[in-house]
């Protein structure tokens, strides 16, 4: 298990995708932000979905994605629809 997998919502596959996107540490993920990290993943994986974006935000906040507040969920949904 890598460092990123110690965060909520980050499994082996998503950690691998983050590494491929140039994000190797928790600090790099926090600095990059969920939206930019997701866009980097989307660049090589067109199946990147709203759940992956939410998982990244939850990981940064230290919570499971389904516990994100409604306002954040709405912001992420709007962002997702702008880029998909």
PDB file of N, CA and C in Angstrom:
ATOM      1  N   UNK A   1       0.845  -1.185   0.000  1.00  0.00           N
ATOM      2  CA  UNK A   1       0.000   0.000   0.000  1.00  0.00           C
ATOM      3  C   UNK A   1       0.885   1.242   0.000  1.00  0.00           C
ATOM      4  N   UNK A   2       0.604   2.140  -0.919  1.00  0.00           N
ATOM      5  CA  UNK A   2       1.363   3.371  -0.991  1.00  0.00           C
ATOM      6  C   UNK A   2       0.811   4.430  -0.051  1.00  0.00           C
ATOM      7  N   UNK A   3       1.520   5.527   0.015  1.00  0.00           N
ATOM      8  CA  UNK A   3       1.142   6.638   0.900  1.00  0.00           C
ATOM      9  C   UNK A   3      -0.267   7.146   0.608  1.00  0.00           C
ATOM     10  N   UNK A   4      -0.600   7.291  -0.656  1.00  0.00           N
ATOM     11  CA  UNK A   4      -1.900   7.859  -1.018  1.00  0.00           C
ATOM     12  C   UNK A   4      -3.059   6.962  -0.596  1.00  0.00           C
ATOM     13  N   UNK A   5      -2.830   5.658  -0.526  1.00  0.00           N
ATOM     14  CA  UNK A   5      -3.889   4.739  -0.123  1.00  0.00           C
ATOM     15  C   UNK A   5      -4.250   4.863   1.351  1.00  0.00           C
ATOM     16  N   UNK A   6      -3.453   5.586   2.103  1.00  0.00           N
ATOM     17  CA  UNK A   6      -3.809   5.806   3.510  1.00  0.00           C
ATOM     18  C   UNK A   6      -4.944   6.820   3.645  1.00  0.00           C
ATOM     19  N   UNK A   7      -5.262   7.517   2.553  1.00  0.00           N
ATOM     20  CA  UNK A   7      -6.362   8.479   2.542  1.00  0.00           C
ATOM     21  C   UNK A   7      -7.685   7.767   2.270  1.00  0.00           C
ATOM     22  N   UNK A   8      -8.784   8.303   2.785  1.00  0.00           N
ATOM     23  CA  UNK A   8     -10.093   7.729   2.444  1.00  0.00           C
ATOM     24  C   UNK A   8     -10.322   7.803   0.937  1.00  0.00           C
ATOM     25  N   UNK A   9     -10.997   6.832   0.400  1.00  0.00           N
ATOM     26  CA  UNK A   9     -11.423   6.779  -1.007  1.00  0.00           C
ATOM     27  C   UNK A   9     -10.334   6.403  -1.995  1.00  0.00           C
ATOM     28  N   UNK A  10      -9.088   6.311  -1.573  1.00  0.00           N
ATOM     29  CA  UNK A  10      -7.995   6.030  -2.508  1.00  0.00           C
ATOM     30  C   UNK A  10      -7.620   4.554  -2.404  1.00  0.00           C
ATOM     31  N   UNK A  11      -7.898   3.829  -3.465  1.00  0.00           N
ATOM     32  CA  UNK A  11      -7.500   2.426  -3.556  1.00  0.00           C
ATOM     33  C   UNK A  11      -6.300   2.295  -4.472  1.00  0.00           C
ATOM     34  N   UNK A  12      -5.949   1.070  -4.747  1.00  0.00           N
ATOM     35  CA  UNK A  12      -4.768   0.797  -5.567  1.00  0.00           C
ATOM     36  C   UNK A  12      -4.872   1.421  -6.961  1.00  0.00           C
ATOM     37  N   UNK A  13      -6.026   1.270  -7.595  1.00  0.00           N
ATOM     38  CA  UNK A  13      -6.202   1.789  -8.956  1.00  0.00           C
ATOM     39  C   UNK A  13      -6.094   3.316  -8.993  1.00  0.00           C
ATOM     40  N   UNK A  14      -6.782   3.992  -8.077  1.00  0.00           N
ATOM     41  CA  UNK A  14      -6.747   5.452  -8.088  1.00  0.00           C
ATOM     42  C   UNK A  14      -5.357   5.961  -7.711  1.00  0.00           C
ATOM     43  N   UNK A  15      -4.687   5.277  -6.799  1.00  0.00           N
ATOM     44  CA  UNK A  15      -3.327   5.683  -6.472  1.00  0.00           C
ATOM     45  C   UNK A  15      -2.429   5.562  -7.702  1.00  0.00           C
ATOM     46  N   UNK A  16      -2.573   4.469  -8.441  1.00  0.00           N
ATOM     47  CA  UNK A  16      -1.785   4.293  -9.666  1.00  0.00           C
ATOM     48  C   UNK A  16      -2.072   5.422 -10.658  1.00  0.00           C
ATOM     49  N   UNK A  17      -3.339   5.788 -10.787  1.00  0.00           N
ATOM     50  CA  UNK A  17      -3.689   6.874 -11.702  1.00  0.00           C
ATOM     51  C   UNK A  17      -3.103   8.200 -11.227  1.00  0.00           C
ATOM     52  N   UNK A  18      -3.104   8.430  -9.938  1.00  0.00           N
ATOM     53  CA  UNK A  18      -2.505   9.660  -9.407  1.00  0.00           C
ATOM     54  C   UNK A  18      -1.009   9.699  -9.702  1.00  0.00           C
ATOM     55  N   UNK A  19      -0.342   8.580  -9.529  1.00  0.00           N
ATOM     56  CA  UNK A  19       1.090   8.533  -9.859  1.00  0.00           C
ATOM     57  C   UNK A  19       1.301   8.856 -11.345  1.00  0.00           C
ATOM     58  N   UNK A  20       0.467   8.256 -12.183  1.00  0.00           N
ATOM     59  CA  UNK A  20       0.557   8.506 -13.629  1.00  0.00           C
ATOM     60  C   UNK A  20       0.310   9.981 -13.950  1.00  0.00           C
ATOM     61  N   UNK A  21      -0.499  10.640 -13.123  1.00  0.00           N
ATOM     62  CA  UNK A  21      -0.812  12.060 -13.300  1.00  0.00           C
ATOM     63  C   UNK A  21       0.245  12.963 -12.659  1.00  0.00           C
ATOM     64  N   UNK A  22       1.309  12.359 -12.097  1.00  0.00           N
ATOM     65  CA  UNK A  22       2.392  13.156 -11.520  1.00  0.00           C
ATOM     66  C   UNK A  22       2.168  13.543 -10.069  1.00  0.00           C
ATOM     67  N   UNK A  23       1.264  12.850  -9.407  1.00  0.00           N
ATOM     68  CA  UNK A  23       0.963  13.139  -7.996  1.00  0.00           C
ATOM     69  C   UNK A  23       1.348  11.921  -7.179  1.00  0.00           C
ATOM     70  N   UNK A  24       2.398  12.063  -6.376  1.00  0.00           N
ATOM     71  CA  UNK A  24       2.957  10.911  -5.672  1.00  0.00           C
ATOM     72  C   UNK A  24       2.803  10.957  -4.163  1.00  0.00           C
ATOM     73  N   UNK A  25       2.443  12.089  -3.613  1.00  0.00           N
ATOM     74  CA  UNK A  25       2.354  12.199  -2.160  1.00  0.00           C
ATOM     75  C   UNK A  25       1.044  12.873  -1.766  1.00  0.00           C
ATOM     76  N   UNK A  26       0.705  12.725  -0.496  1.00  0.00           N
ATOM     77  CA  UNK A  26      -0.493  13.373   0.024  1.00  0.00           C
ATOM     78  C   UNK A  26      -0.374  14.885  -0.128  1.00  0.00           C
ATOM     79  N   UNK A  27       0.786  15.410   0.191  1.00  0.00           N
ATOM     80  CA  UNK A  27       0.994  16.859   0.085  1.00  0.00           C
ATOM     81  C   UNK A  27       0.815  17.339  -1.354  1.00  0.00           C
ATOM     82  N   UNK A  28       1.312  16.572  -2.326  1.00  0.00           N
ATOM     83  CA  UNK A  28       1.144  16.949  -3.734  1.00  0.00           C
ATOM     84  C   UNK A  28      -0.330  16.929  -4.123  1.00  0.00           C
ATOM     85  N   UNK A  29      -1.071  15.954  -3.627  1.00  0.00           N
ATOM     86  CA  UNK A  29      -2.505  15.890  -3.925  1.00  0.00           C
ATOM     87  C   UNK A  29      -3.222  17.101  -3.345  1.00  0.00           C
ATOM     88  N   UNK A  30      -2.913  17.438  -2.111  1.00  0.00           N
ATOM     89  CA  UNK A  30      -3.559  18.599  -1.484  1.00  0.00           C
ATOM     90  C   UNK A  30      -3.201  19.883  -2.214  1.00  0.00           C
ATOM     91  N   UNK A  31      -1.951  20.007  -2.610  1.00  0.00           N
ATOM     92  CA  UNK A  31      -1.507  21.211  -3.324  1.00  0.00           C
ATOM     93  C   UNK A  31      -2.163  21.295  -4.706  1.00  0.00           C
ATOM     94  N   UNK A  32      -2.297  20.160  -5.362  1.00  0.00           N
ATOM     95  CA  UNK A  32      -2.873  20.121  -6.713  1.00  0.00           C
ATOM     96  C   UNK A  32      -4.378  20.361  -6.677  1.00  0.00           C
ATOM     97  N   UNK A  33      -5.036  19.793  -5.696  1.00  0.00           N
ATOM     98  CA  UNK A  33      -6.483  19.922  -5.588  1.00  0.00           C
ATOM     99  C   UNK A  33      -7.206  18.837  -6.367  1.00  0.00           C
ATOM    100  N   UNK A  34      -8.413  18.574  -5.965  1.00  0.00           N
ATOM    101  CA  UNK A  34      -9.178  17.486  -6.572  1.00  0.00           C
ATOM    102  C   UNK A  34      -9.498  17.740  -8.044  1.00  0.00           C
ATOM    103  N   UNK A  35      -9.831  18.964  -8.357  1.00  0.00           N
ATOM    104  CA  UNK A  35     -10.240  19.258  -9.739  1.00  0.00           C
ATOM    105  C   UNK A  35      -9.083  19.095 -10.714  1.00  0.00           C
ATOM    106  N   UNK A  36      -7.935  19.656 -10.392  1.00  0.00           N
ATOM    107  CA  UNK A  36      -6.771  19.526 -11.273  1.00  0.00           C
ATOM    108  C   UNK A  36      -6.309  18.083 -11.351  1.00  0.00           C
ATOM    109  N   UNK A  37      -6.306  17.388 -10.227  1.00  0.00           N
ATOM    110  CA  UNK A  37      -5.911  15.969 -10.219  1.00  0.00           C
ATOM    111  C   UNK A  37      -6.843  15.172 -11.126  1.00  0.00           C
ATOM    112  N   UNK A  38      -8.144  15.438 -11.026  1.00  0.00           N
ATOM    113  CA  UNK A  38      -9.118  14.735 -11.852  1.00  0.00           C
ATOM    114  C   UNK A  38      -8.925  15.062 -13.338  1.00  0.00           C
ATOM    115  N   UNK A  39      -8.661  16.320 -13.651  1.00  0.00           N
ATOM    116  CA  UNK A  39      -8.419  16.689 -15.055  1.00  0.00           C
ATOM    117  C   UNK A  39      -7.194  15.973 -15.612  1.00  0.00           C
ATOM    118  N   UNK A  40      -6.169  15.837 -14.798  1.00  0.00           N
ATOM    119  CA  UNK A  40      -4.973  15.112 -15.241  1.00  0.00           C
ATOM    120  C   UNK A  40      -5.294  13.647 -15.509  1.00  0.00           C
ATOM    121  N   UNK A  41      -6.117  13.051 -14.654  1.00  0.00           N
ATOM    122  CA  UNK A  41      -6.518  11.662 -14.861  1.00  0.00           C
ATOM    123  C   UNK A  41      -7.394  11.561 -16.101  1.00  0.00           C
ATOM    124  N   UNK A  42      -8.327  12.472 -16.258  1.00  0.00           N
ATOM    125  CA  UNK A  42      -9.220  12.478 -17.418  1.00  0.00           C
ATOM    126  C   UNK A  42      -8.429  12.540 -18.734  1.00  0.00           C
ATOM    127  N   UNK A  43      -7.294  13.193 -18.716  1.00  0.00           N
ATOM    128  CA  UNK A  43      -6.482  13.327 -19.926  1.00  0.00           C
ATOM    129  C   UNK A  43      -6.035  11.972 -20.482  1.00  0.00           C
ATOM    130  N   UNK A  44      -5.867  10.972 -19.625  1.00  0.00           N
ATOM    131  CA  UNK A  44      -5.467   9.652 -20.119  1.00  0.00           C
ATOM    132  C   UNK A  44      -6.513   8.567 -19.844  1.00  0.00           C
ATOM    133  N   UNK A  45      -7.568   8.903 -19.114  1.00  0.00           N
ATOM    134  CA  UNK A  45      -8.630   7.938 -18.829  1.00  0.00           C
ATOM    135  C   UNK A  45      -9.988   8.611 -19.001  1.00  0.00           C
ATOM    136  N   UNK A  46     -10.557   8.517 -20.196  1.00  0.00           N
ATOM    137  CA  UNK A  46     -11.831   9.184 -20.456  1.00  0.00           C
ATOM    138  C   UNK A  46     -12.999   8.636 -19.639  1.00  0.00           C
ATOM    139  N   UNK A  47     -12.789   7.520 -18.931  1.00  0.00           N
ATOM    140  CA  UNK A  47     -13.861   6.982 -18.095  1.00  0.00           C
ATOM    141  C   UNK A  47     -13.907   7.642 -16.717  1.00  0.00           C
ATOM    142  N   UNK A  48     -13.001   8.603 -16.460  1.00  0.00           N
ATOM    143  CA  UNK A  48     -12.999   9.298 -15.163  1.00  0.00           C
ATOM    144  C   UNK A  48     -14.367   9.931 -14.938  1.00  0.00           C
ATOM    145  N   UNK A  49     -14.999   9.570 -13.832  1.00  0.00           N
ATOM    146  CA  UNK A  49     -16.381   9.962 -13.592  1.00  0.00           C
ATOM    147  C   UNK A  49     -16.496  10.900 -12.385  1.00  0.00           C
ATOM    148  N   UNK A  50     -17.714  11.318 -12.126  1.00  0.00           N
ATOM    149  CA  UNK A  50     -17.996  12.204 -10.999  1.00  0.00           C
ATOM    150  C   UNK A  50     -17.619  11.536  -9.678  1.00  0.00           C
ATOM    151  N   UNK A  51     -17.758  10.221  -9.606  1.00  0.00           N
ATOM    152  CA  UNK A  51     -17.398   9.515  -8.376  1.00  0.00           C
ATOM    153  C   UNK A  51     -15.894   9.620  -8.105  1.00  0.00           C
ATOM    154  N   UNK A  52     -15.099   9.572  -9.141  1.00  0.00           N
ATOM    155  CA  UNK A  52     -13.654   9.692  -8.967  1.00  0.00           C
ATOM    156  C   UNK A  52     -13.294  11.098  -8.511  1.00  0.00           C
ATOM    157  N   UNK A  53     -13.935  12.089  -9.094  1.00  0.00           N
ATOM    158  CA  UNK A  53     -13.726  13.475  -8.673  1.00  0.00           C
ATOM    159  C   UNK A  53     -14.121  13.651  -7.209  1.00  0.00           C
ATOM    160  N   UNK A  54     -15.256  13.097  -6.839  1.00  0.00           N
ATOM    161  CA  UNK A  54     -15.719  13.182  -5.453  1.00  0.00           C
ATOM    162  C   UNK A  54     -14.783  12.432  -4.511  1.00  0.00           C
ATOM    163  N   UNK A  55     -14.289  11.298  -4.951  1.00  0.00           N
ATOM    164  CA  UNK A  55     -13.352  10.525  -4.135  1.00  0.00           C
ATOM    165  C   UNK A  55     -12.082  11.328  -3.864  1.00  0.00           C
ATOM    166  N   UNK A  56     -11.596  12.032  -4.869  1.00  0.00           N
ATOM    167  CA  UNK A  56     -10.393  12.852  -4.702  1.00  0.00           C
ATOM    168  C   UNK A  56     -10.640  13.979  -3.708  1.00  0.00           C
ATOM    169  N   UNK A  57     -11.777  14.648  -3.827  1.00  0.00           N
ATOM    170  CA  UNK A  57     -12.096  15.731  -2.896  1.00  0.00           C
ATOM    171  C   UNK A  57     -12.243  15.188  -1.476  1.00  0.00           C
ATOM    172  N   UNK A  58     -12.922  14.066  -1.342  1.00  0.00           N
ATOM    173  CA  UNK A  58     -13.064  13.454  -0.032  1.00  0.00           C
ATOM    174  C   UNK A  58     -11.721  13.079   0.568  1.00  0.00           C
ATOM    175  N   UNK A  59     -10.830  12.556  -0.259  1.00  0.00           N
ATOM    176  CA  UNK A  59      -9.495  12.189   0.220  1.00  0.00           C
ATOM    177  C   UNK A  59      -8.762  13.415   0.753  1.00  0.00           C
ATOM    178  N   UNK A  60      -8.855  14.509   0.041  1.00  0.00           N
ATOM    179  CA  UNK A  60      -8.203  15.747   0.470  1.00  0.00           C
ATOM    180  C   UNK A  60      -8.805  16.241   1.784  1.00  0.00           C
ATOM    181  N   UNK A  61     -10.119  16.121   1.923  1.00  0.00           N
ATOM    182  CA  UNK A  61     -10.784  16.575   3.148  1.00  0.00           C
ATOM    183  C   UNK A  61     -10.692  15.552   4.280  1.00  0.00           C
ATOM    184  N   UNK A  62     -10.263  14.333   3.953  1.00  0.00           N
ATOM    185  CA  UNK A  62     -10.141  13.300   4.969  1.00  0.00           C
ATOM    186  C   UNK A  62     -11.439  12.616   5.333  1.00  0.00           C
ATOM    187  N   UNK A  63     -12.389  12.600   4.367  1.00  0.00           N
ATOM    188  CA  UNK A  63     -13.684  11.968   4.608  1.00  0.00           C
ATOM    189  C   UNK A  63     -14.058  11.073   3.435  1.00  0.00           C
ATOM    190  N   UNK A  64     -14.947  10.125   3.695  1.00  0.00           N
ATOM    191  CA  UNK A  64     -15.489   9.334   2.596  1.00  0.00           C
ATOM    192  C   UNK A  64     -16.274  10.276   1.685  1.00  0.00           C
ATOM    193  N   UNK A  65     -16.260  10.024   0.394  1.00  0.00           N
ATOM    194  CA  UNK A  65     -16.857  10.945  -0.582  1.00  0.00           C
ATOM    195  C   UNK A  65     -18.324  11.215  -0.299  1.00  0.00           C
ATOM    196  N   UNK A  66     -19.058  10.228   0.193  1.00  0.00           N
ATOM    197  CA  UNK A  66     -20.496  10.437   0.408  1.00  0.00           C
ATOM    198  C   UNK A  66     -20.772  11.354   1.599  1.00  0.00           C
ATOM    199  N   UNK A  67     -19.748  11.705   2.374  1.00  0.00           N
ATOM    200  CA  UNK A  67     -19.915  12.624   3.504  1.00  0.00           C
ATOM    201  C   UNK A  67     -19.564  14.071   3.145  1.00  0.00           C
ATOM    202  N   UNK A  68     -19.242  14.315   1.888  1.00  0.00           N
ATOM    203  CA  UNK A  68     -19.003  15.702   1.469  1.00  0.00           C
ATOM    204  C   UNK A  68     -20.285  16.502   1.650  1.00  0.00           C
ATOM    205  N   UNK A  69     -20.144  17.766   2.017  1.00  0.00           N
ATOM    206  CA  UNK A  69     -21.361  18.559   2.236  1.00  0.00           C
ATOM    207  C   UNK A  69     -22.071  18.818   0.898  1.00  0.00           C
ATOM    208  N   UNK A  70     -23.362  19.076   0.940  1.00  0.00           N
ATOM    209  CA  UNK A  70     -24.151  19.249  -0.285  1.00  0.00           C
ATOM    210  C   UNK A  70     -23.631  20.358  -1.204  1.00  0.00           C
ATOM    211  N   UNK A  71     -23.128  21.428  -0.626  1.00  0.00           N
ATOM    212  CA  UNK A  71     -22.606  22.521  -1.453  1.00  0.00           C
ATOM    213  C   UNK A  71     -21.395  22.051  -2.261  1.00  0.00           C
ATOM    214  N   UNK A  72     -20.498  21.300  -1.609  1.00  0.00           N
ATOM    215  CA  UNK A  72     -19.320  20.794  -2.315  1.00  0.00           C
ATOM    216  C   UNK A  72     -19.735  19.807  -3.389  1.00  0.00           C
ATOM    217  N   UNK A  73     -20.681  18.946  -3.086  1.00  0.00           N
ATOM    218  CA  UNK A  73     -21.168  17.997  -4.093  1.00  0.00           C
ATOM    219  C   UNK A  73     -21.720  18.735  -5.307  1.00  0.00           C
ATOM    220  N   UNK A  74     -22.444  19.813  -5.077  1.00  0.00           N
ATOM    221  CA  UNK A  74     -23.009  20.600  -6.179  1.00  0.00           C
ATOM    222  C   UNK A  74     -21.898  21.266  -6.992  1.00  0.00           C
ATOM    223  N   UNK A  75     -20.889  21.803  -6.317  1.00  0.00           N
ATOM    224  CA  UNK A  75     -19.759  22.419  -7.022  1.00  0.00           C
ATOM    225  C   UNK A  75     -19.030  21.391  -7.891  1.00  0.00           C
ATOM    226  N   UNK A  76     -18.780  20.223  -7.333  1.00  0.00           N
ATOM    227  CA  UNK A  76     -18.086  19.179  -8.081  1.00  0.00           C
ATOM    228  C   UNK A  76     -18.907  18.721  -9.272  1.00  0.00           C
ATOM    229  N   UNK A  77     -20.212  18.600  -9.079  1.00  0.00           N
ATOM    230  CA  UNK A  77     -21.089  18.185 -10.172  1.00  0.00           C
ATOM    231  C   UNK A  77     -21.060  19.210 -11.302  1.00  0.00           C
ATOM    232  N   UNK A  78     -21.116  20.482 -10.962  1.00  0.00           N
ATOM    233  CA  UNK A  78     -21.059  21.539 -11.986  1.00  0.00           C
ATOM    234  C   UNK A  78     -19.719  21.503 -12.720  1.00  0.00           C
ATOM    235  N   UNK A  79     -18.642  21.347 -11.973  1.00  0.00           N
ATOM    236  CA  UNK A  79     -17.309  21.256 -12.581  1.00  0.00           C
ATOM    237  C   UNK A  79     -17.229  20.061 -13.527  1.00  0.00           C
ATOM    238  N   UNK A  80     -17.723  18.936 -13.070  1.00  0.00           N
ATOM    239  CA  UNK A  80     -17.709  17.721 -13.884  1.00  0.00           C
ATOM    240  C   UNK A  80     -18.441  17.945 -15.208  1.00  0.00           C
ATOM    241  N   UNK A  81     -19.620  18.535 -15.134  1.00  0.00           N
ATOM    242  CA  UNK A  81     -20.412  18.749 -16.346  1.00  0.00           C
ATOM    243  C   UNK A  81     -19.774  19.771 -17.289  1.00  0.00           C
ATOM    244  N   UNK A  82     -18.968  20.673 -16.768  1.00  0.00           N
ATOM    245  CA  UNK A  82     -18.231  21.613 -17.623  1.00  0.00           C
ATOM    246  C   UNK A  82     -17.146  20.911 -18.431  1.00  0.00           C
ATOM    247  N   UNK A  83     -16.631  19.816 -17.912  1.00  0.00           N
ATOM    248  CA  UNK A  83     -15.448  19.181 -18.526  1.00  0.00           C
ATOM    249  C   UNK A  83     -15.719  17.832 -19.157  1.00  0.00           C
ATOM    250  N   UNK A  84     -16.915  17.324 -19.044  1.00  0.00           N
ATOM    251  CA  UNK A  84     -17.233  16.026 -19.647  1.00  0.00           C
ATOM    252  C   UNK A  84     -18.083  16.191 -20.877  1.00  0.00           C
TER     253      UNK A  84
END
